[in-house]
N, C-alpha and C. Protein backbone atom coordinates (compact mmCIF):
# COMPACT_ATOMS: atom_id res chain seq x y z
N MET A 1 126.59 47.44 17.80
CA MET A 1 125.95 48.69 18.16
C MET A 1 124.67 48.83 17.35
N LYS A 2 123.72 49.48 17.98
CA LYS A 2 122.45 49.75 17.33
C LYS A 2 122.13 51.22 17.54
N LYS A 3 121.75 51.90 16.48
CA LYS A 3 121.38 53.30 16.58
C LYS A 3 119.86 53.40 16.76
N VAL A 4 119.46 54.15 17.79
CA VAL A 4 118.04 54.34 18.07
C VAL A 4 117.74 55.82 17.87
N GLU A 5 116.74 56.09 17.07
CA GLU A 5 116.36 57.48 16.82
C GLU A 5 115.13 57.82 17.64
N ILE A 6 115.17 58.98 18.29
CA ILE A 6 114.03 59.45 19.07
C ILE A 6 113.50 60.70 18.38
N VAL A 7 112.21 60.68 18.06
CA VAL A 7 111.60 61.79 17.34
C VAL A 7 110.56 62.46 18.24
N THR A 8 110.61 63.78 18.27
CA THR A 8 109.63 64.54 19.03
C THR A 8 108.77 65.33 18.05
N THR A 9 107.48 65.30 18.28
CA THR A 9 106.55 66.04 17.43
C THR A 9 106.06 67.26 18.18
N VAL A 10 106.14 68.41 17.52
CA VAL A 10 105.68 69.67 18.09
C VAL A 10 104.76 70.33 17.08
N LEU A 11 103.60 70.77 17.54
CA LEU A 11 102.69 71.52 16.68
C LEU A 11 102.99 73.00 16.87
N GLU A 12 103.01 73.77 15.79
CA GLU A 12 103.26 75.20 15.88
C GLU A 12 102.07 75.98 15.34
N TYR A 13 101.72 77.03 16.07
CA TYR A 13 100.63 77.91 15.68
C TYR A 13 101.18 79.33 15.62
N ASP A 14 100.66 80.10 14.67
CA ASP A 14 101.09 81.49 14.50
C ASP A 14 100.23 82.47 15.29
N SER A 15 99.09 81.99 15.79
CA SER A 15 98.17 82.90 16.46
C SER A 15 97.39 82.16 17.54
N LEU A 16 97.11 82.89 18.60
CA LEU A 16 96.27 82.37 19.68
C LEU A 16 94.88 82.01 19.15
N ASN A 17 94.44 82.72 18.12
CA ASN A 17 93.11 82.49 17.55
C ASN A 17 92.95 81.11 16.91
N GLU A 18 94.05 80.44 16.64
CA GLU A 18 93.99 79.09 16.07
C GLU A 18 93.65 78.03 17.12
N LEU A 19 93.68 78.43 18.38
CA LEU A 19 93.45 77.49 19.47
C LEU A 19 92.03 77.63 20.01
N SER A 20 91.60 76.62 20.77
CA SER A 20 90.27 76.67 21.38
C SER A 20 90.21 77.75 22.46
N ARG A 21 89.02 78.08 22.87
CA ARG A 21 88.83 79.09 23.91
C ARG A 21 89.52 78.66 25.22
N GLU A 22 89.40 77.38 25.57
CA GLU A 22 90.03 76.85 26.78
C GLU A 22 91.54 76.98 26.70
N GLU A 23 92.13 76.67 25.55
CA GLU A 23 93.57 76.78 25.37
C GLU A 23 94.01 78.25 25.44
N GLN A 24 93.24 79.14 24.84
CA GLN A 24 93.55 80.57 24.88
C GLN A 24 93.52 81.08 26.32
N GLU A 25 92.53 80.66 27.10
CA GLU A 25 92.43 81.09 28.50
C GLU A 25 93.63 80.61 29.30
N LEU A 26 94.07 79.39 29.04
CA LEU A 26 95.23 78.84 29.75
C LEU A 26 96.49 79.64 29.43
N ILE A 27 96.73 79.90 28.16
CA ILE A 27 97.91 80.66 27.76
C ILE A 27 97.84 82.09 28.30
N ASN A 28 96.67 82.71 28.21
CA ASN A 28 96.52 84.06 28.75
C ASN A 28 96.76 84.10 30.26
N ALA A 29 96.36 83.05 30.96
CA ALA A 29 96.62 82.97 32.41
C ALA A 29 98.13 82.90 32.68
N SER A 30 98.86 82.16 31.85
CA SER A 30 100.32 82.10 32.04
C SER A 30 100.96 83.45 31.75
N LYS A 31 100.44 84.17 30.76
CA LYS A 31 100.97 85.50 30.44
C LYS A 31 100.65 86.50 31.55
N GLU A 32 99.49 86.39 32.12
CA GLU A 32 99.10 87.27 33.23
C GLU A 32 99.96 86.98 34.46
N ALA A 33 100.28 85.72 34.66
CA ALA A 33 101.06 85.31 35.84
C ALA A 33 102.46 85.90 35.87
N VAL A 34 103.06 86.17 34.70
CA VAL A 34 104.43 86.69 34.71
C VAL A 34 104.57 87.97 35.54
N LYS A 35 103.48 88.70 35.68
CA LYS A 35 103.51 89.94 36.46
C LYS A 35 103.86 89.69 37.93
N ASN A 36 103.61 88.47 38.41
CA ASN A 36 103.86 88.14 39.81
C ASN A 36 105.19 87.41 40.03
N ALA A 37 105.96 87.25 38.96
CA ALA A 37 107.24 86.55 39.09
C ALA A 37 108.18 87.35 39.99
N TYR A 38 109.00 86.63 40.73
CA TYR A 38 110.02 87.26 41.55
C TYR A 38 111.36 86.94 40.89
N ALA A 39 111.81 87.86 40.03
CA ALA A 39 113.03 87.63 39.26
C ALA A 39 113.94 88.86 39.32
N PRO A 40 114.35 89.27 40.53
CA PRO A 40 115.16 90.49 40.65
C PRO A 40 116.58 90.35 40.11
N TYR A 41 117.07 89.13 39.94
CA TYR A 41 118.45 88.93 39.51
C TYR A 41 118.55 88.74 38.00
N SER A 42 117.76 87.85 37.45
CA SER A 42 117.83 87.57 36.02
C SER A 42 116.95 88.51 35.19
N LYS A 43 115.93 89.08 35.82
CA LYS A 43 114.93 89.91 35.11
C LYS A 43 114.21 89.09 34.04
N PHE A 44 114.20 87.79 34.20
CA PHE A 44 113.56 86.86 33.25
C PHE A 44 112.35 86.28 33.97
N GLN A 45 111.20 86.88 33.72
CA GLN A 45 109.98 86.50 34.42
C GLN A 45 109.25 85.40 33.65
N VAL A 46 108.90 84.33 34.36
CA VAL A 46 108.20 83.21 33.73
C VAL A 46 106.89 82.98 34.47
N GLY A 47 105.84 82.77 33.69
CA GLY A 47 104.53 82.44 34.24
C GLY A 47 104.08 81.12 33.69
N SER A 48 103.42 80.35 34.52
CA SER A 48 102.89 79.07 34.10
C SER A 48 101.46 78.95 34.59
N ALA A 49 100.65 78.28 33.80
CA ALA A 49 99.26 78.02 34.18
C ALA A 49 98.98 76.54 33.96
N VAL A 50 98.33 75.94 34.94
CA VAL A 50 98.01 74.52 34.90
C VAL A 50 96.50 74.38 34.83
N LEU A 51 96.04 73.62 33.85
CA LEU A 51 94.62 73.32 33.72
C LEU A 51 94.36 71.95 34.33
N LEU A 52 93.48 71.91 35.32
CA LEU A 52 93.15 70.65 35.97
C LEU A 52 91.92 70.01 35.32
N GLU A 53 91.76 68.73 35.54
CA GLU A 53 90.60 67.99 35.00
C GLU A 53 89.27 68.58 35.47
N ASN A 54 89.26 69.22 36.63
CA ASN A 54 88.02 69.81 37.15
C ASN A 54 87.75 71.19 36.56
N GLY A 55 88.60 71.63 35.61
CA GLY A 55 88.41 72.91 34.94
C GLY A 55 89.10 74.09 35.60
N LYS A 56 89.64 73.91 36.79
CA LYS A 56 90.32 75.01 37.48
C LYS A 56 91.68 75.28 36.83
N ILE A 57 92.06 76.55 36.81
CA ILE A 57 93.38 76.95 36.33
C ILE A 57 94.16 77.49 37.51
N ILE A 58 95.33 76.92 37.74
CA ILE A 58 96.23 77.31 38.82
C ILE A 58 97.47 77.91 38.17
N THR A 59 97.92 79.07 38.67
CA THR A 59 99.11 79.69 38.09
C THR A 59 100.28 79.64 39.05
N GLY A 60 101.45 79.79 38.47
CA GLY A 60 102.68 79.85 39.25
C GLY A 60 103.68 80.71 38.51
N THR A 61 104.67 81.20 39.23
CA THR A 61 105.72 82.03 38.64
C THR A 61 107.08 81.58 39.14
N ASN A 62 108.12 81.97 38.39
CA ASN A 62 109.45 81.66 38.89
C ASN A 62 109.73 82.50 40.12
N GLN A 63 110.45 81.91 41.04
CA GLN A 63 110.79 82.55 42.31
C GLN A 63 112.30 82.42 42.50
N GLU A 64 113.02 83.51 42.24
CA GLU A 64 114.47 83.48 42.33
C GLU A 64 114.94 83.69 43.77
N ASN A 65 116.20 83.37 43.95
CA ASN A 65 116.86 83.54 45.23
C ASN A 65 118.30 83.92 44.93
N ALA A 66 118.92 84.71 45.76
CA ALA A 66 120.31 85.10 45.53
C ALA A 66 121.21 83.87 45.40
N ALA A 67 120.89 82.81 46.12
CA ALA A 67 121.58 81.54 45.94
C ALA A 67 120.76 80.79 44.88
N TYR A 68 121.13 80.99 43.61
CA TYR A 68 120.32 80.53 42.48
C TYR A 68 119.70 79.14 42.58
N PRO A 69 120.39 78.14 43.03
CA PRO A 69 119.74 76.82 43.07
C PRO A 69 118.55 76.75 44.04
N SER A 70 118.42 77.74 44.89
CA SER A 70 117.34 77.72 45.87
C SER A 70 116.01 78.20 45.32
N GLY A 71 115.99 78.76 44.14
CA GLY A 71 114.75 79.25 43.54
C GLY A 71 113.96 78.12 42.91
N LEU A 72 112.81 78.47 42.38
CA LEU A 72 111.96 77.48 41.70
C LEU A 72 111.42 78.06 40.41
N CYS A 73 111.23 77.20 39.43
CA CYS A 73 110.66 77.59 38.14
C CYS A 73 109.14 77.69 38.25
N ALA A 74 108.57 78.45 37.34
CA ALA A 74 107.12 78.68 37.32
C ALA A 74 106.33 77.38 37.15
N GLU A 75 106.81 76.49 36.31
CA GLU A 75 106.09 75.25 36.05
C GLU A 75 105.96 74.40 37.30
N ARG A 76 107.07 74.28 38.03
CA ARG A 76 107.03 73.48 39.26
C ARG A 76 106.19 74.14 40.33
N VAL A 77 106.27 75.46 40.45
CA VAL A 77 105.45 76.18 41.43
C VAL A 77 103.97 75.91 41.14
N ALA A 78 103.57 76.04 39.89
CA ALA A 78 102.15 75.84 39.52
C ALA A 78 101.71 74.39 39.74
N ILE A 79 102.52 73.44 39.32
CA ILE A 79 102.14 72.02 39.46
C ILE A 79 102.11 71.62 40.93
N PHE A 80 103.11 72.02 41.70
CA PHE A 80 103.13 71.66 43.12
C PHE A 80 101.96 72.30 43.87
N TYR A 81 101.64 73.54 43.53
CA TYR A 81 100.51 74.21 44.16
C TYR A 81 99.20 73.49 43.79
N ALA A 82 99.05 73.15 42.51
CA ALA A 82 97.85 72.43 42.06
C ALA A 82 97.72 71.10 42.77
N ASN A 83 98.84 70.36 42.88
CA ASN A 83 98.81 69.06 43.56
C ASN A 83 98.54 69.20 45.05
N SER A 84 98.97 70.31 45.63
CA SER A 84 98.72 70.56 47.04
C SER A 84 97.25 70.89 47.30
N MET A 85 96.67 71.72 46.43
CA MET A 85 95.28 72.14 46.61
C MET A 85 94.28 71.08 46.15
N PHE A 86 94.63 70.33 45.11
CA PHE A 86 93.73 69.33 44.53
C PHE A 86 94.52 68.03 44.32
N PRO A 87 94.86 67.33 45.40
CA PRO A 87 95.76 66.18 45.30
C PRO A 87 95.23 65.01 44.47
N ASN A 88 93.95 64.94 44.25
CA ASN A 88 93.38 63.82 43.51
C ASN A 88 92.84 64.22 42.15
N VAL A 89 93.20 65.40 41.68
CA VAL A 89 92.71 65.89 40.39
C VAL A 89 93.88 65.93 39.41
N ALA A 90 93.70 65.27 38.27
CA ALA A 90 94.76 65.20 37.26
C ALA A 90 95.00 66.55 36.60
N VAL A 91 96.25 66.74 36.21
CA VAL A 91 96.64 67.91 35.43
C VAL A 91 96.39 67.56 33.96
N LYS A 92 95.67 68.43 33.30
CA LYS A 92 95.33 68.21 31.89
C LYS A 92 96.32 68.91 30.95
N ALA A 93 96.76 70.11 31.34
CA ALA A 93 97.65 70.88 30.47
C ALA A 93 98.46 71.88 31.29
N VAL A 94 99.60 72.29 30.72
CA VAL A 94 100.48 73.29 31.32
C VAL A 94 100.84 74.30 30.23
N ALA A 95 100.74 75.58 30.54
CA ALA A 95 101.16 76.63 29.61
C ALA A 95 102.31 77.41 30.24
N VAL A 96 103.24 77.84 29.40
CA VAL A 96 104.41 78.58 29.88
C VAL A 96 104.63 79.81 28.99
N SER A 97 104.84 80.96 29.64
CA SER A 97 105.16 82.21 28.95
C SER A 97 106.33 82.87 29.67
N ALA A 98 107.16 83.60 28.91
CA ALA A 98 108.30 84.28 29.52
C ALA A 98 108.35 85.73 29.06
N PHE A 99 108.81 86.60 29.97
CA PHE A 99 108.83 88.04 29.76
C PHE A 99 110.18 88.58 30.19
N THR A 100 110.84 89.32 29.33
CA THR A 100 112.12 89.94 29.67
C THR A 100 112.33 91.16 28.80
N ASN A 101 113.11 92.12 29.27
CA ASN A 101 113.36 93.35 28.51
C ASN A 101 112.05 94.04 28.10
N ASN A 102 111.09 94.06 29.02
CA ASN A 102 109.80 94.73 28.82
C ASN A 102 108.94 94.15 27.71
N ALA A 103 109.14 92.86 27.41
CA ALA A 103 108.32 92.23 26.36
C ALA A 103 108.31 90.71 26.56
N PHE A 104 107.28 90.07 26.01
CA PHE A 104 107.27 88.61 26.00
C PHE A 104 108.35 88.14 25.04
N THR A 105 108.94 87.00 25.32
CA THR A 105 110.01 86.49 24.47
C THR A 105 109.48 86.21 23.08
N GLU A 106 110.33 86.45 22.10
CA GLU A 106 109.95 86.22 20.70
C GLU A 106 109.63 84.74 20.49
N LYS A 107 110.57 83.89 20.90
CA LYS A 107 110.38 82.44 20.74
C LYS A 107 109.80 81.85 22.03
N PRO A 108 109.02 80.79 21.91
CA PRO A 108 108.53 80.10 23.11
C PRO A 108 109.71 79.56 23.93
N VAL A 109 109.56 79.59 25.25
CA VAL A 109 110.61 79.10 26.15
C VAL A 109 110.19 77.74 26.70
N PRO A 110 111.00 76.70 26.47
CA PRO A 110 110.65 75.37 26.96
C PRO A 110 111.01 75.19 28.44
N PRO A 111 110.38 74.24 29.10
CA PRO A 111 110.72 73.95 30.50
C PRO A 111 112.14 73.42 30.63
N CYS A 112 112.76 73.69 31.76
CA CYS A 112 114.09 73.14 32.05
C CYS A 112 113.96 71.64 32.32
N GLY A 113 115.06 70.99 32.50
CA GLY A 113 115.07 69.55 32.75
C GLY A 113 114.32 69.14 34.01
N SER A 114 114.49 69.90 35.09
CA SER A 114 113.79 69.59 36.34
C SER A 114 112.28 69.70 36.16
N CYS A 115 111.83 70.72 35.44
CA CYS A 115 110.39 70.89 35.21
C CYS A 115 109.86 69.79 34.31
N ARG A 116 110.65 69.39 33.32
CA ARG A 116 110.23 68.29 32.45
C ARG A 116 110.03 67.01 33.26
N GLN A 117 110.94 66.78 34.21
CA GLN A 117 110.82 65.59 35.06
C GLN A 117 109.57 65.65 35.91
N VAL A 118 109.26 66.83 36.47
CA VAL A 118 108.06 66.98 37.31
C VAL A 118 106.79 66.80 36.47
N ILE A 119 106.78 67.36 35.26
CA ILE A 119 105.62 67.18 34.39
C ILE A 119 105.45 65.70 34.06
N SER A 120 106.56 65.03 33.76
CA SER A 120 106.53 63.59 33.46
C SER A 120 106.01 62.78 34.65
N GLU A 121 106.52 63.08 35.84
CA GLU A 121 106.08 62.37 37.05
C GLU A 121 104.60 62.60 37.32
N THR A 122 104.12 63.81 37.08
CA THR A 122 102.71 64.13 37.29
C THR A 122 101.85 63.37 36.29
N GLU A 123 102.33 63.28 35.07
CA GLU A 123 101.63 62.51 34.04
C GLU A 123 101.54 61.03 34.45
N THR A 124 102.62 60.49 34.93
CA THR A 124 102.66 59.09 35.39
C THR A 124 101.74 58.90 36.60
N ARG A 125 101.80 59.83 37.53
CA ARG A 125 101.00 59.75 38.76
C ARG A 125 99.50 59.62 38.46
N PHE A 126 99.02 60.42 37.51
CA PHE A 126 97.59 60.40 37.21
C PHE A 126 97.23 59.53 36.01
N LYS A 127 98.25 58.88 35.42
CA LYS A 127 98.03 58.02 34.26
C LYS A 127 97.22 58.73 33.18
N SER A 128 97.61 59.98 32.94
CA SER A 128 96.90 60.82 31.99
C SER A 128 97.89 61.77 31.32
N PRO A 129 97.87 61.89 30.00
CA PRO A 129 98.81 62.78 29.33
C PRO A 129 98.58 64.24 29.69
N ILE A 130 99.66 65.00 29.72
CA ILE A 130 99.60 66.43 29.99
C ILE A 130 100.07 67.15 28.72
N LYS A 131 99.20 67.99 28.17
CA LYS A 131 99.55 68.76 26.99
C LYS A 131 100.32 70.00 27.44
N ILE A 132 101.38 70.35 26.71
CA ILE A 132 102.23 71.47 27.09
C ILE A 132 102.14 72.55 26.01
N TYR A 133 101.84 73.78 26.45
CA TYR A 133 101.74 74.94 25.56
C TYR A 133 102.88 75.89 25.88
N LEU A 134 103.68 76.23 24.89
CA LEU A 134 104.78 77.17 25.06
C LEU A 134 104.47 78.38 24.20
N ALA A 135 104.28 79.52 24.86
CA ALA A 135 103.82 80.72 24.15
C ALA A 135 104.92 81.76 24.02
N GLY A 136 105.25 82.10 22.78
CA GLY A 136 106.15 83.20 22.49
C GLY A 136 105.33 84.35 21.92
N LYS A 137 105.99 85.41 21.58
CA LYS A 137 105.29 86.59 21.06
C LYS A 137 104.59 86.29 19.74
N THR A 138 105.27 85.54 18.86
CA THR A 138 104.73 85.33 17.52
C THR A 138 104.41 83.87 17.20
N ARG A 139 104.64 83.00 18.15
CA ARG A 139 104.46 81.58 17.86
C ARG A 139 104.07 80.83 19.13
N ILE A 140 103.24 79.81 18.96
CA ILE A 140 102.85 78.94 20.07
C ILE A 140 103.21 77.52 19.68
N MET A 141 103.92 76.85 20.56
CA MET A 141 104.27 75.45 20.33
C MET A 141 103.43 74.60 21.27
N VAL A 142 102.93 73.47 20.74
CA VAL A 142 102.11 72.56 21.54
C VAL A 142 102.73 71.18 21.47
N ILE A 143 102.99 70.61 22.63
CA ILE A 143 103.54 69.28 22.75
C ILE A 143 102.47 68.40 23.39
N GLU A 144 102.19 67.28 22.80
CA GLU A 144 101.05 66.44 23.21
C GLU A 144 101.17 65.83 24.60
N ASN A 145 102.40 65.56 25.05
CA ASN A 145 102.56 64.94 26.36
C ASN A 145 104.01 65.04 26.83
N ALA A 146 104.22 64.69 28.08
CA ALA A 146 105.55 64.81 28.68
C ALA A 146 106.58 63.89 28.03
N LYS A 147 106.15 62.77 27.53
CA LYS A 147 107.10 61.84 26.89
C LYS A 147 107.72 62.47 25.65
N GLU A 148 106.98 63.37 24.98
CA GLU A 148 107.54 64.09 23.83
C GLU A 148 108.60 65.08 24.29
N LEU A 149 108.43 65.64 25.47
CA LEU A 149 109.39 66.60 26.03
C LEU A 149 110.60 65.91 26.64
N LEU A 150 110.38 64.77 27.23
CA LEU A 150 111.43 64.06 27.96
C LEU A 150 111.33 62.56 27.64
N PRO A 151 111.76 62.18 26.43
CA PRO A 151 111.56 60.79 26.00
C PRO A 151 112.33 59.75 26.83
N LEU A 152 113.45 60.12 27.39
CA LEU A 152 114.22 59.19 28.22
C LEU A 152 114.09 59.60 29.68
N ASN A 153 112.87 59.58 30.15
CA ASN A 153 112.61 60.05 31.51
C ASN A 153 112.96 59.00 32.56
N PHE A 154 113.23 59.49 33.75
CA PHE A 154 113.48 58.64 34.90
C PHE A 154 112.16 58.46 35.62
N ASP A 155 111.77 57.21 35.87
CA ASP A 155 110.50 57.00 36.57
C ASP A 155 110.65 55.92 37.62
N ASP A 156 109.54 55.60 38.28
CA ASP A 156 109.57 54.66 39.40
C ASP A 156 110.02 53.25 38.99
N GLY A 157 109.99 52.95 37.72
CA GLY A 157 110.45 51.64 37.24
C GLY A 157 111.92 51.40 37.51
N PHE A 158 112.70 52.47 37.66
CA PHE A 158 114.12 52.32 37.94
C PHE A 158 114.41 52.13 39.42
N LEU A 159 113.41 52.35 40.26
CA LEU A 159 113.63 52.29 41.70
C LEU A 159 113.48 50.89 42.28
N GLY A 160 113.06 49.95 41.45
CA GLY A 160 112.97 48.55 41.87
C GLY A 160 111.90 48.33 42.83
């Protein structure tokens, strides 16, 4: 047997002011997007903003359904919409914010497994890393690329 250790590096910031103007705009777009979330069941509103290589910011929100598996997360909504509108433009970054109980969450909320897979696939598709910003009320986490979020990802190499 051999033990393999997988290490993930996350940068943490205490303030939006520590980030560049472009990064601040992206995070603010994700926070603004939560207002459009459709979350009547969980009351957990999530907003995501995707920064494309052409400078455009595309937002998405979680969309719930009474049959829970039928809904979609904000990250996938934003990425799929961006890929639909700009199919040949790489995604540069994704920001995620969550709002519940009349406030943004204290801690940053990470993407679910399905969203991590979609971010990873998008990164592979464009052969370009995607930076991930997770914004909480008092802290911002920055992950350099999808491989840091999903180190044992499933990709086209397994499809033969």
